[in-house]
Amino acid sequence: MKYMNKETFDKANMFGTGVPNEMYAEYFVGDSFLNLAINPEGSPAFVANVTFEPGCRNHWHIHHAATGGGQLLICTAGEGWYQTEGQDAVSLREGSVVYIPTGVKHWHGAKADSWFSHISVEIPGTETSNEWLEPVDDAYYNTL
């Protein structure tokens, strides 16, 4: 379901919007918010609810790991997009689940006309890192 009204979206966003995602803001177009579900210290996995304002998306990026790793997205509220390099963008809705293996260049974020939230699970591995790349082209994004 699409949500342009923030108040209505907040009622559907069961894991909460959280705080401005200032730590990673340079890798996003638009405003995103982070609500940690599990404190990363002492946990084998990073789990957070990430909320995107309408039109917000992260840059192309790759999750690296020597073993294991990758990312799991569980969409919880609103509508968004996910795209793997070389493939068409996939529409995401509440209940959509995306598994992103290590080494796959991709991006994800809100549709232009909806707030969007997903749970992000960083899958444990060894020597894990994220490589942040270029922003998603505005002209391309606006055609979705």
C-alpha atoms as a PDB file:
ATOM      1  CA  MET A   1       0.000   0.000   0.000  1.00  0.00           C
ATOM      2  CA  LYS A   2       1.316   3.426  -0.892  1.00  0.00           C
ATOM      3  CA  TYR A   3       1.570   6.133   1.767  1.00  0.00           C
ATOM      4  CA  MET A   4       2.241   9.761   0.950  1.00  0.00           C
ATOM      5  CA  ASN A   5       0.872  10.975   4.282  1.00  0.00           C
ATOM      6  CA  LYS A   6       3.517  10.476   7.018  1.00  0.00           C
ATOM      7  CA  GLU A   7       0.962  10.231   9.829  1.00  0.00           C
ATOM      8  CA  THR A   8      -0.913   7.419   8.080  1.00  0.00           C
ATOM      9  CA  PHE A   9       2.370   5.677   7.231  1.00  0.00           C
ATOM     10  CA  ASP A  10       3.528   5.868  10.865  1.00  0.00           C
ATOM     11  CA  LYS A  11       0.439   3.889  11.928  1.00  0.00           C
ATOM     12  CA  ALA A  12       1.381   1.097   9.493  1.00  0.00           C
ATOM     13  CA  ASN A  13       5.136   1.191  10.207  1.00  0.00           C
ATOM     14  CA  MET A  14       5.034  -1.349  13.039  1.00  0.00           C
ATOM     15  CA  PHE A  15       8.773  -1.234  13.800  1.00  0.00           C
ATOM     16  CA  GLY A  16       8.940   2.561  14.046  1.00  0.00           C
ATOM     17  CA  THR A  17      10.713   5.182  12.003  1.00  0.00           C
ATOM     18  CA  GLY A  18      13.594   5.739  14.410  1.00  0.00           C
ATOM     19  CA  VAL A  19      16.105   8.549  14.068  1.00  0.00           C
ATOM     20  CA  PRO A  20      17.615  10.311  11.041  1.00  0.00           C
ATOM     21  CA  ASN A  21      20.165   8.015   9.401  1.00  0.00           C
ATOM     22  CA  GLU A  22      22.977  10.561   9.704  1.00  0.00           C
ATOM     23  CA  MET A  23      25.771   7.965   9.765  1.00  0.00           C
ATOM     24  CA  TYR A  24      25.014   6.850   6.195  1.00  0.00           C
ATOM     25  CA  ALA A  25      23.292   9.997   4.842  1.00  0.00           C
ATOM     26  CA  GLU A  26      26.039  10.572   2.270  1.00  0.00           C
ATOM     27  CA  TYR A  27      25.031   7.270   0.596  1.00  0.00           C
ATOM     28  CA  PHE A  28      21.354   8.163   0.191  1.00  0.00           C
ATOM     29  CA  VAL A  29      19.353  10.469  -2.054  1.00  0.00           C
ATOM     30  CA  GLY A  30      16.694  11.955   0.234  1.00  0.00           C
ATOM     31  CA  ASP A  31      16.110  11.328   3.923  1.00  0.00           C
ATOM     32  CA  SER A  32      16.237   7.915   5.547  1.00  0.00           C
ATOM     33  CA  PHE A  33      15.748   6.842   9.150  1.00  0.00           C
ATOM     34  CA  LEU A  34      17.168   3.999  11.222  1.00  0.00           C
ATOM     35  CA  ASN A  35      15.565   2.125  14.112  1.00  0.00           C
ATOM     36  CA  LEU A  36      17.869  -0.564  15.512  1.00  0.00           C
ATOM     37  CA  ALA A  37      16.003  -3.772  16.311  1.00  0.00           C
ATOM     38  CA  ILE A  38      19.054  -5.465  17.814  1.00  0.00           C
ATOM     39  CA  ASN A  39      21.964  -3.645  19.407  1.00  0.00           C
ATOM     40  CA  PRO A  40      24.891  -4.524  17.116  1.00  0.00           C
ATOM     41  CA  GLU A  41      27.279  -4.979  20.048  1.00  0.00           C
ATOM     42  CA  GLY A  42      27.369  -8.617  21.056  1.00  0.00           C
ATOM     43  CA  SER A  43      24.905  -9.715  18.367  1.00  0.00           C
ATOM     44  CA  PRO A  44      25.874 -11.994  15.481  1.00  0.00           C
ATOM     45  CA  ALA A  45      23.777  -9.902  13.069  1.00  0.00           C
ATOM     46  CA  PHE A  46      22.874  -6.259  12.452  1.00  0.00           C
ATOM     47  CA  VAL A  47      19.079  -5.911  12.311  1.00  0.00           C
ATOM     48  CA  ALA A  48      17.339  -2.570  11.823  1.00  0.00           C
ATOM     49  CA  ASN A  49      14.187  -1.048  10.416  1.00  0.00           C
ATOM     50  CA  VAL A  50      15.165   1.373   7.661  1.00  0.00           C
ATOM     51  CA  THR A  51      12.581   3.959   6.610  1.00  0.00           C
ATOM     52  CA  PHE A  52      12.773   5.973   3.379  1.00  0.00           C
ATOM     53  CA  GLU A  53      10.804   9.135   2.645  1.00  0.00           C
ATOM     54  CA  PRO A  54       9.109   9.201  -0.784  1.00  0.00           C
ATOM     55  CA  GLY A  55      11.798   9.260  -3.488  1.00  0.00           C
ATOM     56  CA  CYS A  56      14.611   8.309  -1.091  1.00  0.00           C
ATOM     57  CA  ARG A  57      16.952   5.520  -2.154  1.00  0.00           C
ATOM     58  CA  ASN A  58      20.426   4.399  -1.309  1.00  0.00           C
ATOM     59  CA  HIS A  59      23.324   4.448  -3.735  1.00  0.00           C
ATOM     60  CA  TRP A  60      24.395   1.420  -5.678  1.00  0.00           C
ATOM     61  CA  HIS A  61      26.421  -0.751  -3.324  1.00  0.00           C
ATOM     62  CA  ILE A  62      27.956  -4.187  -2.835  1.00  0.00           C
ATOM     63  CA  HIS A  63      28.135  -6.292   0.337  1.00  0.00           C
ATOM     64  CA  HIS A  64      31.466  -8.097   0.503  1.00  0.00           C
ATOM     65  CA  ALA A  65      32.525 -11.045   2.679  1.00  0.00           C
ATOM     66  CA  ALA A  66      35.233 -13.693   2.617  1.00  0.00           C
ATOM     67  CA  THR A  67      32.609 -16.197   3.816  1.00  0.00           C
ATOM     68  CA  GLY A  68      28.899 -15.815   4.508  1.00  0.00           C
ATOM     69  CA  GLY A  69      27.598 -12.278   4.445  1.00  0.00           C
ATOM     70  CA  GLY A  70      25.003 -10.640   2.247  1.00  0.00           C
ATOM     71  CA  GLN A  71      21.755  -8.933   3.180  1.00  0.00           C
ATOM     72  CA  LEU A  72      18.117  -9.824   3.698  1.00  0.00           C
ATOM     73  CA  LEU A  73      15.345  -7.238   3.250  1.00  0.00           C
ATOM     74  CA  ILE A  74      11.902  -7.842   4.747  1.00  0.00           C
ATOM     75  CA  CYS A  75       9.486  -5.156   3.577  1.00  0.00           C
ATOM     76  CA  THR A  76       7.136  -4.023   6.320  1.00  0.00           C
ATOM     77  CA  ALA A  77       5.307  -0.847   5.242  1.00  0.00           C
ATOM     78  CA  GLY A  78       4.742   1.189   2.103  1.00  0.00           C
ATOM     79  CA  GLU A  79       6.154   0.536  -1.364  1.00  0.00           C
ATOM     80  CA  GLY A  80       9.670   0.614  -2.748  1.00  0.00           C
ATOM     81  CA  TRP A  81      12.111  -0.634  -5.352  1.00  0.00           C
ATOM     82  CA  TYR A  82      15.007  -3.098  -5.426  1.00  0.00           C
ATOM     83  CA  GLN A  83      17.352  -3.496  -8.358  1.00  0.00           C
ATOM     84  CA  THR A  84      20.308  -5.713  -9.130  1.00  0.00           C
ATOM     85  CA  GLU A  85      22.734  -4.361 -11.739  1.00  0.00           C
ATOM     86  CA  GLY A  86      21.799  -5.528 -15.221  1.00  0.00           C
ATOM     87  CA  GLN A  87      18.237  -6.472 -14.253  1.00  0.00           C
ATOM     88  CA  ASP A  88      14.934  -4.609 -14.167  1.00  0.00           C
ATOM     89  CA  ALA A  89      13.888  -2.907 -10.928  1.00  0.00           C
ATOM     90  CA  VAL A  90      11.508  -5.008  -8.799  1.00  0.00           C
ATOM     91  CA  SER A  91       8.505  -3.468  -7.058  1.00  0.00           C
ATOM     92  CA  LEU A  92       8.462  -4.097  -3.295  1.00  0.00           C
ATOM     93  CA  ARG A  93       5.388  -4.115  -1.064  1.00  0.00           C
ATOM     94  CA  GLU A  94       4.597  -5.127   2.498  1.00  0.00           C
ATOM     95  CA  GLY A  95       5.562  -8.791   2.804  1.00  0.00           C
ATOM     96  CA  SER A  96       8.150  -8.793  -0.001  1.00  0.00           C
ATOM     97  CA  VAL A  97      11.422 -10.496   0.931  1.00  0.00           C
ATOM     98  CA  VAL A  98      14.702 -10.029  -0.924  1.00  0.00           C
ATOM     99  CA  TYR A  99      17.921 -11.986  -0.408  1.00  0.00           C
ATOM    100  CA  ILE A 100      21.052 -10.221  -1.672  1.00  0.00           C
ATOM    101  CA  PRO A 101      24.140 -12.431  -1.895  1.00  0.00           C
ATOM    102  CA  THR A 102      27.624 -11.045  -1.385  1.00  0.00           C
ATOM    103  CA  GLY A 103      29.250  -9.495  -4.431  1.00  0.00           C
ATOM    104  CA  VAL A 104      25.966  -8.313  -6.030  1.00  0.00           C
ATOM    105  CA  LYS A 105      25.752  -4.650  -7.030  1.00  0.00           C
ATOM    106  CA  HIS A 106      22.297  -3.315  -6.114  1.00  0.00           C
ATOM    107  CA  TRP A 107      20.202  -0.495  -4.630  1.00  0.00           C
ATOM    108  CA  HIS A 108      16.868  -0.210  -2.822  1.00  0.00           C
ATOM    109  CA  GLY A 109      14.560   2.522  -1.600  1.00  0.00           C
ATOM    110  CA  ALA A 110      11.119   4.098  -1.673  1.00  0.00           C
ATOM    111  CA  LYS A 111       8.950   4.692  -4.676  1.00  0.00           C
ATOM    112  CA  ALA A 112       8.605   8.361  -5.611  1.00  0.00           C
ATOM    113  CA  ASP A 113       5.034   8.411  -4.312  1.00  0.00           C
ATOM    114  CA  SER A 114       5.270   6.409  -1.073  1.00  0.00           C
ATOM    115  CA  TRP A 115       7.012   6.169   2.267  1.00  0.00           C
ATOM    116  CA  PHE A 116       8.718   2.774   2.626  1.00  0.00           C
ATOM    117  CA  SER A 117      10.231   0.644   5.408  1.00  0.00           C
ATOM    118  CA  HIS A 118      12.097  -2.626   5.442  1.00  0.00           C
ATOM    119  CA  ILE A 119      13.906  -4.664   8.032  1.00  0.00           C
ATOM    120  CA  SER A 120      17.543  -4.962   7.000  1.00  0.00           C
ATOM    121  CA  VAL A 121      19.410  -8.023   8.211  1.00  0.00           C
ATOM    122  CA  GLU A 122      23.126  -8.007   7.574  1.00  0.00           C
ATOM    123  CA  ILE A 123      23.950 -11.702   7.343  1.00  0.00           C
ATOM    124  CA  PRO A 124      26.955 -12.664   9.481  1.00  0.00           C
ATOM    125  CA  GLY A 125      30.184 -13.566   7.752  1.00  0.00           C
ATOM    126  CA  THR A 126      33.915 -13.061   7.918  1.00  0.00           C
ATOM    127  CA  GLU A 127      35.708  -9.976   6.641  1.00  0.00           C
ATOM    128  CA  THR A 128      32.400  -8.265   5.825  1.00  0.00           C
ATOM    129  CA  SER A 129      32.265  -4.758   4.384  1.00  0.00           C
ATOM    130  CA  ASN A 130      30.049  -2.546   2.248  1.00  0.00           C
ATOM    131  CA  GLU A 131      31.340  -0.838  -0.864  1.00  0.00           C
ATOM    132  CA  TRP A 132      29.300   2.287  -1.564  1.00  0.00           C
ATOM    133  CA  LEU A 133      29.178   3.344  -5.193  1.00  0.00           C
ATOM    134  CA  GLU A 134      27.454   5.948  -7.365  1.00  0.00           C
ATOM    135  CA  PRO A 135      23.928   7.284  -6.775  1.00  0.00           C
ATOM    136  CA  VAL A 136      21.046   5.853  -8.780  1.00  0.00           C
ATOM    137  CA  ASP A 137      20.605   8.114 -11.797  1.00  0.00           C
ATOM    138  CA  ASP A 138      17.738  10.567 -11.191  1.00  0.00           C
ATOM    139  CA  ALA A 139      16.516  10.417 -14.805  1.00  0.00           C
ATOM    140  CA  TYR A 140      16.374   6.603 -14.664  1.00  0.00           C
ATOM    141  CA  TYR A 141      14.723   6.540 -11.211  1.00  0.00           C
ATOM    142  CA  ASN A 142      12.046   8.967 -12.385  1.00  0.00           C
ATOM    143  CA  THR A 143      11.030   6.510 -15.136  1.00  0.00           C
ATOM    144  CA  LEU A 144      10.149   3.783 -12.624  1.00  0.00           C
END
